[in-house]
Amino acid sequence: MEQRISEPVARRTNFFTSADFENYDELAQQRLEFLLKANAETERDKAVLKSPHKKTELDLKKNPISVENAFAYFGLLLGIFPPAAIFIRFFIDARIFNTDEFWILGFVFVVNFVSALVGFFSGKFIGKIIAELEKTSWHRMILALPFVGVLWGVIAGGAGGATIFIVGAFFGALLGAAVGGFALPIFSVLHRLLKRGDKIDRRHFFPLAFGISFVVSAFFLGL
């Protein structure tokens, strides 16, 4: 009788086999690896958000500028700074600052205002042209950019110079063509490289637009 009772008890104590323990350890290891991987990805995302040198798609959506607005604002800057630099250079060479002919500054203001205004509104139209060119190959785009830039410069510069009669319109269009033919290709190429989708971030646009405008202005000032 004692032998019959002890055998079932011995069999009941063996609930888990070695295979069960191996399966349990493997499942626990898989869960641990999954948690470690998820934690690593979370820490990586936090590091990217905190880093000032890395930009996420969320950052790009905070301050976007469309192609039309980018070229409109760029036209505004080109209508202000290069013409102002040309007039300052003329005043310095003619020594007008040493005379009483300050009334000429009124003409300068009107020319700058009209050039900036036309540069801004025509820039929206130019932006649409550039948006289509950016969809083509680099080769076609680069070949077309100087012609588009000259056209833009003639429109904006000629309109500003027209305030000083027909002669002013001729010289304004000539200088505008030179500025547009130089500035637009550089800006357009860098715009295509820096944009995300159809928009460019403000932190890229402003240094680019102001930088090119100041370089052109510095050339006319003889710096």
N, C-alpha and C. Protein backbone atom coordinates (compact mmCIF):
# COMPACT_ATOMS: atom_id res chain seq x y z
N MET A 1 0.82 -1.21 0.00
CA MET A 1 0.00 0.00 0.00
C MET A 1 0.85 1.25 0.00
N GLU A 2 1.87 1.33 0.77
CA GLU A 2 2.74 2.51 0.85
C GLU A 2 3.40 2.78 -0.48
N GLN A 3 3.75 1.76 -1.20
CA GLN A 3 4.43 1.94 -2.49
C GLN A 3 3.46 2.52 -3.51
N ARG A 4 2.19 2.14 -3.52
CA ARG A 4 1.20 2.66 -4.46
C ARG A 4 0.92 4.14 -4.22
N ILE A 5 0.91 4.61 -3.00
CA ILE A 5 0.63 6.02 -2.68
C ILE A 5 1.80 6.91 -3.07
N SER A 6 3.00 6.49 -2.89
CA SER A 6 4.18 7.32 -3.15
C SER A 6 4.39 7.56 -4.63
N GLU A 7 4.01 6.65 -5.47
CA GLU A 7 4.25 6.81 -6.92
C GLU A 7 3.44 7.95 -7.52
N PRO A 8 2.13 8.09 -7.24
CA PRO A 8 1.39 9.25 -7.79
C PRO A 8 1.93 10.57 -7.29
N VAL A 9 2.32 10.66 -6.02
CA VAL A 9 2.86 11.90 -5.46
C VAL A 9 4.10 12.30 -6.20
N ALA A 10 4.94 11.36 -6.48
CA ALA A 10 6.19 11.65 -7.20
C ALA A 10 5.90 12.16 -8.60
N ARG A 11 4.87 11.60 -9.22
CA ARG A 11 4.55 12.04 -10.57
C ARG A 11 3.96 13.44 -10.59
N ARG A 12 3.20 13.86 -9.57
CA ARG A 12 2.57 15.19 -9.52
C ARG A 12 3.59 16.31 -9.35
N THR A 13 4.69 16.07 -8.73
CA THR A 13 5.68 17.14 -8.49
C THR A 13 6.41 17.53 -9.75
N ASN A 14 6.31 16.81 -10.83
CA ASN A 14 7.03 17.10 -12.07
C ASN A 14 6.08 17.80 -13.05
N PHE A 15 5.65 19.09 -12.67
CA PHE A 15 4.70 19.82 -13.51
C PHE A 15 5.36 20.37 -14.78
N PHE A 16 6.62 20.86 -14.69
CA PHE A 16 7.32 21.50 -15.81
C PHE A 16 8.45 20.61 -16.27
N THR A 17 8.45 20.37 -17.58
CA THR A 17 9.55 19.61 -18.16
C THR A 17 10.67 20.54 -18.58
N SER A 18 11.79 20.00 -18.97
CA SER A 18 12.92 20.84 -19.42
C SER A 18 12.56 21.60 -20.68
N ALA A 19 11.71 21.04 -21.55
CA ALA A 19 11.28 21.72 -22.77
C ALA A 19 10.45 22.95 -22.45
N ASP A 20 9.58 22.84 -21.38
CA ASP A 20 8.77 24.00 -20.98
C ASP A 20 9.64 25.14 -20.51
N PHE A 21 10.67 24.86 -19.73
CA PHE A 21 11.57 25.92 -19.25
C PHE A 21 12.32 26.57 -20.42
N GLU A 22 12.70 25.79 -21.40
CA GLU A 22 13.41 26.35 -22.55
C GLU A 22 12.51 27.28 -23.35
N ASN A 23 11.24 26.90 -23.53
CA ASN A 23 10.30 27.76 -24.25
C ASN A 23 10.04 29.05 -23.50
N TYR A 24 9.93 28.95 -22.18
CA TYR A 24 9.69 30.14 -21.36
C TYR A 24 10.88 31.10 -21.43
N ASP A 25 12.08 30.56 -21.35
CA ASP A 25 13.27 31.41 -21.43
C ASP A 25 13.39 32.08 -22.80
N GLU A 26 13.05 31.37 -23.84
CA GLU A 26 13.12 31.94 -25.18
C GLU A 26 12.11 33.07 -25.36
N LEU A 27 10.89 32.89 -24.84
CA LEU A 27 9.86 33.92 -24.92
C LEU A 27 10.26 35.16 -24.13
N ALA A 28 10.81 34.95 -22.94
CA ALA A 28 11.26 36.08 -22.13
C ALA A 28 12.40 36.83 -22.81
N GLN A 29 13.29 36.11 -23.46
CA GLN A 29 14.40 36.75 -24.16
C GLN A 29 13.89 37.59 -25.33
N GLN A 30 12.91 37.10 -26.05
CA GLN A 30 12.34 37.85 -27.16
C GLN A 30 11.67 39.12 -26.68
N ARG A 31 10.92 39.03 -25.57
CA ARG A 31 10.27 40.22 -25.02
C ARG A 31 11.30 41.24 -24.54
N LEU A 32 12.37 40.77 -23.95
CA LEU A 32 13.41 41.67 -23.48
C LEU A 32 14.08 42.39 -24.64
N GLU A 33 14.37 41.66 -25.71
CA GLU A 33 14.99 42.28 -26.89
C GLU A 33 14.06 43.31 -27.52
N PHE A 34 12.77 43.02 -27.56
CA PHE A 34 11.80 43.96 -28.11
C PHE A 34 11.75 45.25 -27.29
N LEU A 35 11.73 45.12 -25.97
CA LEU A 35 11.69 46.29 -25.10
C LEU A 35 12.96 47.12 -25.21
N LEU A 36 14.10 46.45 -25.31
CA LEU A 36 15.37 47.18 -25.46
C LEU A 36 15.42 47.94 -26.78
N LYS A 37 14.92 47.32 -27.84
CA LYS A 37 14.91 47.98 -29.14
C LYS A 37 13.97 49.17 -29.14
N ALA A 38 12.79 49.03 -28.55
CA ALA A 38 11.84 50.14 -28.47
C ALA A 38 12.39 51.29 -27.65
N ASN A 39 13.07 50.97 -26.56
CA ASN A 39 13.66 52.00 -25.72
C ASN A 39 14.77 52.75 -26.45
N ALA A 40 15.56 52.01 -27.23
CA ALA A 40 16.65 52.64 -28.00
C ALA A 40 16.09 53.59 -29.05
N GLU A 41 15.01 53.22 -29.72
CA GLU A 41 14.39 54.08 -30.72
C GLU A 41 13.81 55.34 -30.08
N THR A 42 13.23 55.19 -28.90
CA THR A 42 12.68 56.34 -28.19
C THR A 42 13.78 57.33 -27.82
N GLU A 43 14.89 56.82 -27.30
CA GLU A 43 16.01 57.69 -26.94
C GLU A 43 16.61 58.37 -28.16
N ARG A 44 16.65 57.66 -29.29
CA ARG A 44 17.18 58.25 -30.51
C ARG A 44 16.29 59.40 -31.00
N ASP A 45 14.97 59.21 -30.93
CA ASP A 45 14.05 60.27 -31.33
C ASP A 45 14.19 61.49 -30.43
N LYS A 46 14.35 61.27 -29.14
CA LYS A 46 14.54 62.39 -28.22
C LYS A 46 15.81 63.15 -28.53
N ALA A 47 16.87 62.44 -28.86
CA ALA A 47 18.14 63.09 -29.17
C ALA A 47 18.04 63.93 -30.43
N VAL A 48 17.28 63.44 -31.43
CA VAL A 48 17.11 64.20 -32.68
C VAL A 48 16.32 65.48 -32.43
N LEU A 49 15.28 65.38 -31.59
CA LEU A 49 14.46 66.55 -31.30
C LEU A 49 15.24 67.60 -30.53
N LYS A 50 16.16 67.17 -29.67
CA LYS A 50 16.93 68.11 -28.87
C LYS A 50 18.12 68.69 -29.64
N SER A 51 18.58 68.01 -30.66
CA SER A 51 19.78 68.44 -31.38
C SER A 51 19.47 69.64 -32.26
N PRO A 52 20.26 70.74 -32.20
CA PRO A 52 20.03 71.91 -33.05
C PRO A 52 20.51 71.71 -34.47
N HIS A 53 21.24 70.62 -34.74
CA HIS A 53 21.83 70.41 -36.05
C HIS A 53 21.04 69.44 -36.90
N LYS A 54 19.99 68.84 -36.34
CA LYS A 54 19.20 67.87 -37.09
C LYS A 54 17.77 68.37 -37.19
N LYS A 55 17.14 68.14 -38.33
CA LYS A 55 15.81 68.62 -38.61
C LYS A 55 14.90 67.46 -38.95
N THR A 56 13.79 67.38 -38.29
CA THR A 56 12.81 66.35 -38.57
C THR A 56 11.75 66.90 -39.50
N GLU A 57 10.89 66.02 -40.00
CA GLU A 57 9.82 66.45 -40.87
C GLU A 57 8.87 67.38 -40.13
N LEU A 58 8.72 67.18 -38.82
CA LEU A 58 7.86 68.05 -38.04
C LEU A 58 8.42 69.46 -38.01
N ASP A 59 9.74 69.60 -37.89
CA ASP A 59 10.35 70.92 -37.89
C ASP A 59 10.11 71.63 -39.22
N LEU A 60 10.19 70.88 -40.31
CA LEU A 60 10.04 71.49 -41.63
C LEU A 60 8.63 72.01 -41.84
N LYS A 61 7.66 71.47 -41.13
CA LYS A 61 6.29 71.90 -41.30
C LYS A 61 5.96 73.14 -40.46
N LYS A 62 6.87 73.55 -39.59
CA LYS A 62 6.59 74.69 -38.73
C LYS A 62 6.75 76.01 -39.46
N ASN A 63 7.78 76.16 -40.30
CA ASN A 63 8.07 77.42 -40.95
C ASN A 63 8.30 77.23 -42.45
N PRO A 64 7.32 76.76 -43.18
CA PRO A 64 7.54 76.52 -44.62
C PRO A 64 7.24 77.76 -45.45
N ILE A 65 7.93 77.89 -46.57
CA ILE A 65 7.67 78.95 -47.54
C ILE A 65 7.49 78.29 -48.90
N SER A 66 6.39 78.58 -49.56
CA SER A 66 6.12 77.99 -50.86
C SER A 66 7.07 78.58 -51.90
N VAL A 67 7.10 77.95 -53.06
CA VAL A 67 7.99 78.41 -54.13
C VAL A 67 7.61 79.82 -54.56
N GLU A 68 6.32 80.07 -54.74
CA GLU A 68 5.87 81.40 -55.17
C GLU A 68 6.25 82.47 -54.17
N ASN A 69 6.03 82.21 -52.88
CA ASN A 69 6.36 83.21 -51.87
C ASN A 69 7.86 83.39 -51.72
N ALA A 70 8.61 82.31 -51.87
CA ALA A 70 10.06 82.41 -51.75
C ALA A 70 10.63 83.34 -52.81
N PHE A 71 10.17 83.21 -54.05
CA PHE A 71 10.69 84.07 -55.12
C PHE A 71 10.08 85.47 -55.05
N ALA A 72 8.89 85.59 -54.48
CA ALA A 72 8.32 86.92 -54.28
C ALA A 72 9.14 87.71 -53.26
N TYR A 73 9.48 87.09 -52.15
CA TYR A 73 10.29 87.77 -51.13
C TYR A 73 11.71 88.02 -51.64
N PHE A 74 12.22 87.09 -52.43
CA PHE A 74 13.55 87.30 -53.00
C PHE A 74 13.53 88.47 -53.98
N GLY A 75 12.46 88.58 -54.77
CA GLY A 75 12.31 89.73 -55.66
C GLY A 75 12.19 91.04 -54.91
N LEU A 76 11.55 90.98 -53.76
CA LEU A 76 11.45 92.18 -52.92
C LEU A 76 12.83 92.64 -52.46
N LEU A 77 13.66 91.69 -52.02
CA LEU A 77 15.01 92.04 -51.56
C LEU A 77 15.88 92.56 -52.71
N LEU A 78 15.75 91.92 -53.88
CA LEU A 78 16.53 92.38 -55.03
C LEU A 78 16.06 93.76 -55.51
N GLY A 79 14.81 94.08 -55.26
CA GLY A 79 14.29 95.40 -55.64
C GLY A 79 14.68 96.49 -54.67
N ILE A 80 15.16 96.10 -53.48
CA ILE A 80 15.55 97.08 -52.47
C ILE A 80 17.05 97.30 -52.44
N PHE A 81 17.81 96.25 -52.21
CA PHE A 81 19.24 96.41 -51.90
C PHE A 81 20.13 96.73 -53.11
N PRO A 82 20.10 95.99 -54.20
CA PRO A 82 20.98 96.35 -55.32
C PRO A 82 20.72 97.74 -55.89
N PRO A 83 19.45 98.16 -56.12
CA PRO A 83 19.26 99.53 -56.59
C PRO A 83 19.76 100.58 -55.59
N ALA A 84 19.54 100.31 -54.31
CA ALA A 84 20.05 101.24 -53.30
C ALA A 84 21.56 101.32 -53.34
N ALA A 85 22.23 100.19 -53.55
CA ALA A 85 23.69 100.18 -53.64
C ALA A 85 24.17 100.96 -54.85
N ILE A 86 23.46 100.83 -55.97
CA ILE A 86 23.83 101.58 -57.18
C ILE A 86 23.73 103.07 -56.94
N PHE A 87 22.65 103.51 -56.30
CA PHE A 87 22.47 104.94 -56.04
C PHE A 87 23.50 105.46 -55.04
N ILE A 88 23.79 104.66 -54.02
CA ILE A 88 24.80 105.09 -53.04
C ILE A 88 26.15 105.25 -53.71
N ARG A 89 26.48 104.32 -54.58
CA ARG A 89 27.75 104.43 -55.31
C ARG A 89 27.77 105.67 -56.19
N PHE A 90 26.65 105.96 -56.84
CA PHE A 90 26.56 107.15 -57.68
C PHE A 90 26.69 108.42 -56.86
N PHE A 91 26.05 108.46 -55.71
CA PHE A 91 26.12 109.63 -54.85
C PHE A 91 27.55 109.87 -54.35
N ILE A 92 28.23 108.77 -54.02
CA ILE A 92 29.60 108.90 -53.54
C ILE A 92 30.52 109.42 -54.64
N ASP A 93 30.39 108.87 -55.84
CA ASP A 93 31.25 109.29 -56.94
C ASP A 93 30.94 110.72 -57.38
N ALA A 94 29.66 111.11 -57.35
CA ALA A 94 29.27 112.45 -57.78
C ALA A 94 29.34 113.46 -56.64
N ARG A 95 29.63 112.98 -55.44
CA ARG A 95 29.74 113.84 -54.26
C ARG A 95 28.48 114.67 -54.04
N ILE A 96 27.34 114.03 -54.28
CA ILE A 96 26.08 114.73 -54.08
C ILE A 96 25.82 114.97 -52.60
N PHE A 97 26.40 114.13 -51.75
CA PHE A 97 26.19 114.32 -50.31
C PHE A 97 26.81 115.63 -49.82
N ASN A 98 27.71 116.20 -50.61
CA ASN A 98 28.34 117.44 -50.20
C ASN A 98 27.63 118.67 -50.75
N THR A 99 26.52 118.48 -51.44
CA THR A 99 25.77 119.59 -52.02
C THR A 99 24.39 119.68 -51.38
N ASP A 100 23.60 120.60 -51.94
CA ASP A 100 22.24 120.78 -51.43
C ASP A 100 21.20 120.05 -52.28
N GLU A 101 21.65 119.13 -53.10
CA GLU A 101 20.74 118.44 -54.02
C GLU A 101 20.16 117.17 -53.40
N PHE A 102 19.72 117.29 -52.18
CA PHE A 102 19.16 116.11 -51.51
C PHE A 102 17.77 115.76 -52.03
N TRP A 103 17.20 116.64 -52.85
CA TRP A 103 15.89 116.34 -53.41
C TRP A 103 15.94 115.09 -54.31
N ILE A 104 17.17 114.77 -54.77
CA ILE A 104 17.31 113.58 -55.61
C ILE A 104 16.96 112.32 -54.83
N LEU A 105 17.11 112.38 -53.51
CA LEU A 105 16.77 111.21 -52.70
C LEU A 105 15.30 110.82 -52.85
N GLY A 106 14.46 111.81 -53.18
CA GLY A 106 13.05 111.49 -53.42
C GLY A 106 12.87 110.58 -54.62
N PHE A 107 13.62 110.86 -55.69
CA PHE A 107 13.57 109.98 -56.85
C PHE A 107 14.10 108.59 -56.52
N VAL A 108 15.16 108.58 -55.73
CA VAL A 108 15.75 107.29 -55.35
C VAL A 108 14.74 106.45 -54.58
N PHE A 109 14.03 107.09 -53.68
CA PHE A 109 13.04 106.36 -52.90
C PHE A 109 11.94 105.80 -53.79
N VAL A 110 11.48 106.60 -54.75
CA VAL A 110 10.42 106.14 -55.65
C VAL A 110 10.89 104.97 -56.50
N VAL A 111 12.13 105.08 -57.02
CA VAL A 111 12.67 103.99 -57.84
C VAL A 111 12.78 102.71 -57.03
N ASN A 112 13.31 102.82 -55.82
CA ASN A 112 13.44 101.64 -54.97
C ASN A 112 12.09 101.03 -54.62
N PHE A 113 11.15 101.90 -54.34
CA PHE A 113 9.82 101.41 -53.96
C PHE A 113 9.16 100.67 -55.11
N VAL A 114 9.21 101.27 -56.30
CA VAL A 114 8.58 100.63 -57.47
C VAL A 114 9.30 99.32 -57.82
N SER A 115 10.64 99.33 -57.79
CA SER A 115 11.40 98.11 -58.10
C SER A 115 11.08 97.00 -57.13
N ALA A 116 11.00 97.34 -55.83
CA ALA A 116 10.69 96.33 -54.83
C ALA A 116 9.27 95.80 -55.00
N LEU A 117 8.34 96.71 -55.29
CA LEU A 117 6.94 96.30 -55.45
C LEU A 117 6.77 95.38 -56.66
N VAL A 118 7.35 95.78 -57.78
CA VAL A 118 7.25 94.95 -58.99
C VAL A 118 8.01 93.65 -58.81
N GLY A 119 9.18 93.73 -58.16
CA GLY A 119 9.95 92.51 -57.90
C GLY A 119 9.18 91.51 -57.06
N PHE A 120 8.41 92.01 -56.11
CA PHE A 120 7.63 91.12 -55.24
C PHE A 120 6.51 90.44 -56.01
N PHE A 121 5.69 91.22 -56.72
CA PHE A 121 4.53 90.63 -57.39
C PHE A 121 4.93 89.82 -58.63
N SER A 122 5.94 90.28 -59.35
CA SER A 122 6.41 89.48 -60.48
C SER A 122 7.11 88.21 -60.00
N GLY A 123 7.66 88.25 -58.77
CA GLY A 123 8.32 87.07 -58.21
C GLY A 123 7.36 85.91 -58.03
N LYS A 124 6.10 86.19 -57.78
CA LYS A 124 5.12 85.10 -57.67
C LYS A 124 4.96 84.38 -59.01
N PHE A 125 4.93 85.17 -60.09
CA PHE A 125 4.84 84.57 -61.42
C PHE A 125 6.12 83.80 -61.76
N ILE A 126 7.27 84.39 -61.43
CA ILE A 126 8.55 83.72 -61.68
C ILE A 126 8.63 82.44 -60.85
N GLY A 127 8.09 82.48 -59.63
CA GLY A 127 8.09 81.29 -58.78
C GLY A 127 7.34 80.13 -59.41
N LYS A 128 6.25 80.41 -60.10
CA LYS A 128 5.50 79.35 -60.78
C LYS A 128 6.33 78.75 -61.91
N ILE A 129 7.08 79.61 -62.61
CA ILE A 129 7.94 79.10 -63.68
C ILE A 129 9.04 78.20 -63.11
N ILE A 130 9.64 78.65 -62.00
CA ILE A 130 10.71 77.88 -61.37
C ILE A 130 10.17 76.56 -60.84
N ALA A 131 8.96 76.58 -60.30
CA ALA A 131 8.36 75.34 -59.78
C ALA A 131 8.23 74.30 -60.88
N GLU A 132 7.90 74.74 -62.10
CA GLU A 132 7.81 73.80 -63.22
C GLU A 132 9.20 73.36 -63.67
N LEU A 133 10.16 74.28 -63.65
CA LEU A 133 11.52 73.92 -64.06
C LEU A 133 12.15 72.94 -63.08
N GLU A 134 11.81 73.04 -61.80
CA GLU A 134 12.37 72.14 -60.81
C GLU A 134 11.87 70.71 -60.99
N LYS A 135 10.81 70.53 -61.75
CA LYS A 135 10.31 69.19 -62.03
C LYS A 135 11.05 68.54 -63.19
N THR A 136 11.82 69.34 -63.93
CA THR A 136 12.57 68.81 -65.05
C THR A 136 13.96 68.39 -64.59
N SER A 137 14.80 68.01 -65.53
CA SER A 137 16.16 67.61 -65.20
C SER A 137 17.00 68.83 -64.84
N TRP A 138 18.11 68.56 -64.14
CA TRP A 138 19.02 69.65 -63.78
C TRP A 138 19.57 70.34 -65.02
N HIS A 139 19.84 69.59 -66.05
CA HIS A 139 20.43 70.16 -67.27
C HIS A 139 19.49 71.19 -67.89
N ARG A 140 18.22 70.85 -68.05
CA ARG A 140 17.26 71.77 -68.64
C ARG A 140 17.02 72.98 -67.75
N MET A 141 16.96 72.74 -66.48
CA MET A 141 16.72 73.84 -65.55
C MET A 141 17.85 74.86 -65.58
N ILE A 142 19.08 74.40 -65.51
CA ILE A 142 20.22 75.31 -65.48
C ILE A 142 20.33 76.09 -66.78
N LEU A 143 20.00 75.47 -67.90
CA LEU A 143 20.04 76.18 -69.18
C LEU A 143 18.98 77.27 -69.26
N ALA A 144 17.82 77.04 -68.65
CA ALA A 144 16.72 78.00 -68.75
C ALA A 144 16.82 79.13 -67.74
N LEU A 145 17.50 78.90 -66.63
CA LEU A 145 17.50 79.88 -65.53
C LEU A 145 18.04 81.26 -65.93
N PRO A 146 19.16 81.37 -66.64
CA PRO A 146 19.64 82.72 -66.99
C PRO A 146 18.63 83.52 -67.79
N PHE A 147 17.90 82.87 -68.70
CA PHE A 147 16.92 83.59 -69.51
C PHE A 147 15.74 84.07 -68.64
N VAL A 148 15.31 83.22 -67.73
CA VAL A 148 14.24 83.61 -66.82
C VAL A 148 14.70 84.76 -65.93
N GLY A 149 15.94 84.69 -65.45
CA GLY A 149 16.48 85.75 -64.61
C GLY A 149 16.58 87.07 -65.33
N VAL A 150 17.03 87.05 -66.57
CA VAL A 150 17.12 88.28 -67.36
C VAL A 150 15.73 88.88 -67.59
N LEU A 151 14.76 88.03 -67.90
CA LEU A 151 13.39 88.50 -68.10
C LEU A 151 12.86 89.15 -66.83
N TRP A 152 13.09 88.50 -65.71
CA TRP A 152 12.63 89.05 -64.42
C TRP A 152 13.29 90.39 -64.14
N GLY A 153 14.60 90.46 -64.36
CA GLY A 153 15.31 91.71 -64.11
C GLY A 153 14.85 92.84 -65.01
N VAL A 154 14.57 92.54 -66.26
CA VAL A 154 14.09 93.57 -67.19
C VAL A 154 12.74 94.12 -66.73
N ILE A 155 11.87 93.23 -66.28
CA ILE A 155 10.54 93.66 -65.83
C ILE A 155 10.65 94.56 -64.60
N ALA A 156 11.35 94.07 -63.56
CA ALA A 156 11.43 94.81 -62.30
C ALA A 156 12.29 96.06 -62.45
N GLY A 157 13.47 95.91 -63.07
CA GLY A 157 14.35 97.07 -63.22
C GLY A 157 13.79 98.11 -64.16
N GLY A 158 13.16 97.67 -65.25
CA GLY A 158 12.57 98.62 -66.18
C GLY A 158 11.42 99.39 -65.56
N ALA A 159 10.62 98.69 -64.75
CA ALA A 159 9.49 99.37 -64.09
C ALA A 159 9.99 100.41 -63.10
N GLY A 160 11.03 100.07 -62.35
CA GLY A 160 11.58 101.04 -61.40
C GLY A 160 12.23 102.21 -62.10
N GLY A 161 12.99 101.93 -63.15
CA GLY A 161 13.66 103.01 -63.87
C GLY A 161 12.70 103.89 -64.65
N ALA A 162 11.51 103.37 -64.97
CA ALA A 162 10.54 104.15 -65.73
C ALA A 162 10.07 105.37 -64.96
N THR A 163 10.25 105.38 -63.67
CA THR A 163 9.88 106.55 -62.89
C THR A 163 10.80 107.74 -63.19
N ILE A 164 11.96 107.48 -63.80
CA ILE A 164 12.87 108.55 -64.20
C ILE A 164 12.85 108.63 -65.73
N PHE A 165 11.68 108.65 -66.28
CA PHE A 165 11.45 108.81 -67.71
C PHE A 165 12.00 107.62 -68.51
N ILE A 166 12.04 107.74 -69.82
CA ILE A 166 12.37 106.63 -70.70
C ILE A 166 13.83 106.22 -70.55
N VAL A 167 14.71 107.18 -70.38
CA VAL A 167 16.14 106.86 -70.21
C VAL A 167 16.34 106.01 -68.97
N GLY A 168 15.65 106.37 -67.92
CA GLY A 168 15.75 105.60 -66.68
C GLY A 168 15.24 104.18 -66.84
N ALA A 169 14.19 104.01 -67.64
CA ALA A 169 13.65 102.67 -67.89
C ALA A 169 14.67 101.81 -68.63
N PHE A 170 15.40 102.42 -69.58
CA PHE A 170 16.39 101.67 -70.33
C PHE A 170 17.53 101.19 -69.42
N PHE A 171 18.08 102.12 -68.64
CA PHE A 171 19.18 101.73 -67.75
C PHE A 171 18.69 100.81 -66.62
N GLY A 172 17.48 101.04 -66.16
CA GLY A 172 16.93 100.16 -65.13
C GLY A 172 16.76 98.74 -65.64
N ALA A 173 16.26 98.61 -66.86
CA ALA A 173 16.10 97.28 -67.44
C ALA A 173 17.45 96.61 -67.67
N LEU A 174 18.45 97.41 -68.09
CA LEU A 174 19.78 96.86 -68.33
C LEU A 174 20.41 96.34 -67.05
N LEU A 175 20.37 97.15 -65.99
CA LEU A 175 20.93 96.72 -64.71
C LEU A 175 20.12 95.58 -64.10
N GLY A 176 18.79 95.66 -64.26
CA GLY A 176 17.94 94.58 -63.75
C GLY A 176 18.22 93.26 -64.42
N ALA A 177 18.48 93.30 -65.72
CA ALA A 177 18.81 92.07 -66.45
C ALA A 177 20.11 91.46 -65.93
N ALA A 178 21.10 92.32 -65.64
CA ALA A 178 22.37 91.82 -65.12
C ALA A 178 22.18 91.19 -63.74
N VAL A 179 21.39 91.86 -62.89
CA VAL A 179 21.16 91.33 -61.54
C VAL A 179 20.36 90.04 -61.60
N GLY A 180 19.29 90.02 -62.36
CA GLY A 180 18.46 88.82 -62.46
C GLY A 180 19.18 87.65 -63.09
N GLY A 181 19.96 87.93 -64.14
CA GLY A 181 20.69 86.86 -64.80
C GLY A 181 21.74 86.22 -63.93
N PHE A 182 22.24 86.98 -62.93
CA PHE A 182 23.23 86.44 -62.00
C PHE A 182 22.58 85.82 -60.77
N ALA A 183 21.64 86.54 -60.16
CA ALA A 183 21.10 86.14 -58.86
C ALA A 183 20.11 84.98 -58.96
N LEU A 184 19.25 85.00 -59.97
CA LEU A 184 18.21 83.98 -60.05
C LEU A 184 18.76 82.57 -60.21
N PRO A 185 19.72 82.31 -61.10
CA PRO A 185 20.23 80.94 -61.21
C PRO A 185 20.83 80.41 -59.92
N ILE A 186 21.59 81.25 -59.20
CA ILE A 186 22.19 80.80 -57.95
C ILE A 186 21.12 80.48 -56.92
N PHE A 187 20.17 81.38 -56.78
CA PHE A 187 19.11 81.16 -55.79
C PHE A 187 18.28 79.94 -56.14
N SER A 188 17.96 79.75 -57.41
CA SER A 188 17.10 78.64 -57.82
C SER A 188 17.78 77.30 -57.60
N VAL A 189 19.06 77.21 -57.91
CA VAL A 189 19.79 75.95 -57.72
C VAL A 189 19.83 75.58 -56.24
N LEU A 190 20.17 76.56 -55.40
CA LEU A 190 20.23 76.29 -53.96
C LEU A 190 18.84 76.03 -53.38
N HIS A 191 17.83 76.70 -53.93
CA HIS A 191 16.46 76.46 -53.48
C HIS A 191 16.05 75.02 -53.76
N ARG A 192 16.40 74.52 -54.92
CA ARG A 192 16.04 73.13 -55.27
C ARG A 192 16.78 72.14 -54.38
N LEU A 193 18.00 72.46 -54.00
CA LEU A 193 18.76 71.56 -53.14
C LEU A 193 18.26 71.55 -51.70
N LEU A 194 17.78 72.69 -51.23
CA LEU A 194 17.41 72.82 -49.82
C LEU A 194 15.93 72.59 -49.54
N LYS A 195 15.10 72.63 -50.54
CA LYS A 195 13.66 72.50 -50.29
C LYS A 195 13.31 71.07 -49.90
N ARG A 196 12.19 70.91 -49.23
CA ARG A 196 11.63 69.63 -48.86
C ARG A 196 10.21 69.58 -49.41
N GLY A 197 10.00 68.72 -50.38
CA GLY A 197 8.72 68.74 -51.06
C GLY A 197 8.67 69.94 -51.99
N ASP A 198 7.67 70.79 -51.82
CA ASP A 198 7.55 72.02 -52.61
C ASP A 198 7.84 73.26 -51.80
N LYS A 199 8.39 73.10 -50.60
CA LYS A 199 8.60 74.25 -49.72
C LYS A 199 10.01 74.25 -49.15
N ILE A 200 10.44 75.44 -48.75
CA ILE A 200 11.75 75.61 -48.15
C ILE A 200 11.57 76.19 -46.75
N ASP A 201 12.38 75.76 -45.83
CA ASP A 201 12.28 76.24 -44.46
C ASP A 201 12.80 77.67 -44.37
N ARG A 202 12.19 78.47 -43.49
CA ARG A 202 12.59 79.86 -43.33
C ARG A 202 14.05 79.99 -42.89
N ARG A 203 14.51 79.03 -42.09
CA ARG A 203 15.89 79.08 -41.60
C ARG A 203 16.90 78.85 -42.73
N HIS A 204 16.45 78.30 -43.85
CA HIS A 204 17.30 78.19 -45.02
C HIS A 204 17.08 79.37 -45.97
N PHE A 205 15.82 79.82 -46.07
CA PHE A 205 15.51 80.84 -47.05
C PHE A 205 16.16 82.18 -46.74
N PHE A 206 16.01 82.66 -45.51
CA PHE A 206 16.48 84.01 -45.19
C PHE A 206 17.99 84.18 -45.36
N PRO A 207 18.83 83.28 -44.85
CA PRO A 207 20.27 83.43 -45.11
C PRO A 207 20.60 83.38 -46.60
N LEU A 208 19.88 82.54 -47.34
CA LEU A 208 20.14 82.41 -48.77
C LEU A 208 19.74 83.68 -49.51
N ALA A 209 18.52 84.17 -49.28
CA ALA A 209 18.02 85.33 -50.00
C ALA A 209 18.80 86.60 -49.64
N PHE A 210 19.02 86.82 -48.35
CA PHE A 210 19.76 88.01 -47.93
C PHE A 210 21.22 87.92 -48.38
N GLY A 211 21.80 86.74 -48.31
CA GLY A 211 23.20 86.57 -48.69
C GLY A 211 23.43 86.92 -50.15
N ILE A 212 22.60 86.41 -51.04
CA ILE A 212 22.76 86.72 -52.47
C ILE A 212 22.50 88.19 -52.74
N SER A 213 21.49 88.77 -52.10
CA SER A 213 21.19 90.19 -52.29
C SER A 213 22.35 91.07 -51.83
N PHE A 214 22.96 90.71 -50.72
CA PHE A 214 24.09 91.50 -50.20
C PHE A 214 25.33 91.34 -51.08
N VAL A 215 25.54 90.15 -51.63
CA VAL A 215 26.68 89.94 -52.52
C VAL A 215 26.55 90.82 -53.77
N VAL A 216 25.35 90.85 -54.34
CA VAL A 216 25.11 91.71 -55.53
C VAL A 216 25.29 93.17 -55.16
N SER A 217 24.77 93.57 -54.01
CA SER A 217 24.91 94.96 -53.57
C SER A 217 26.37 95.34 -53.34
N ALA A 218 27.12 94.43 -52.74
CA ALA A 218 28.52 94.69 -52.49
C ALA A 218 29.29 94.86 -53.79
N PHE A 219 28.91 94.13 -54.82
CA PHE A 219 29.56 94.27 -56.13
C PHE A 219 29.36 95.69 -56.69
N PHE A 220 28.13 96.20 -56.60
CA PHE A 220 27.86 97.55 -57.11
C PHE A 220 28.53 98.63 -56.25
N LEU A 221 28.71 98.34 -54.99
CA LEU A 221 29.40 99.31 -54.11
C LEU A 221 30.91 99.26 -54.32
N GLY A 222 31.39 98.26 -55.01
CA GLY A 222 32.83 98.12 -55.23
C GLY A 222 33.57 97.54 -54.06
N LEU A 223 32.86 96.77 -53.20
CA LEU A 223 33.50 96.18 -52.02
C LEU A 223 34.18 94.86 -52.37
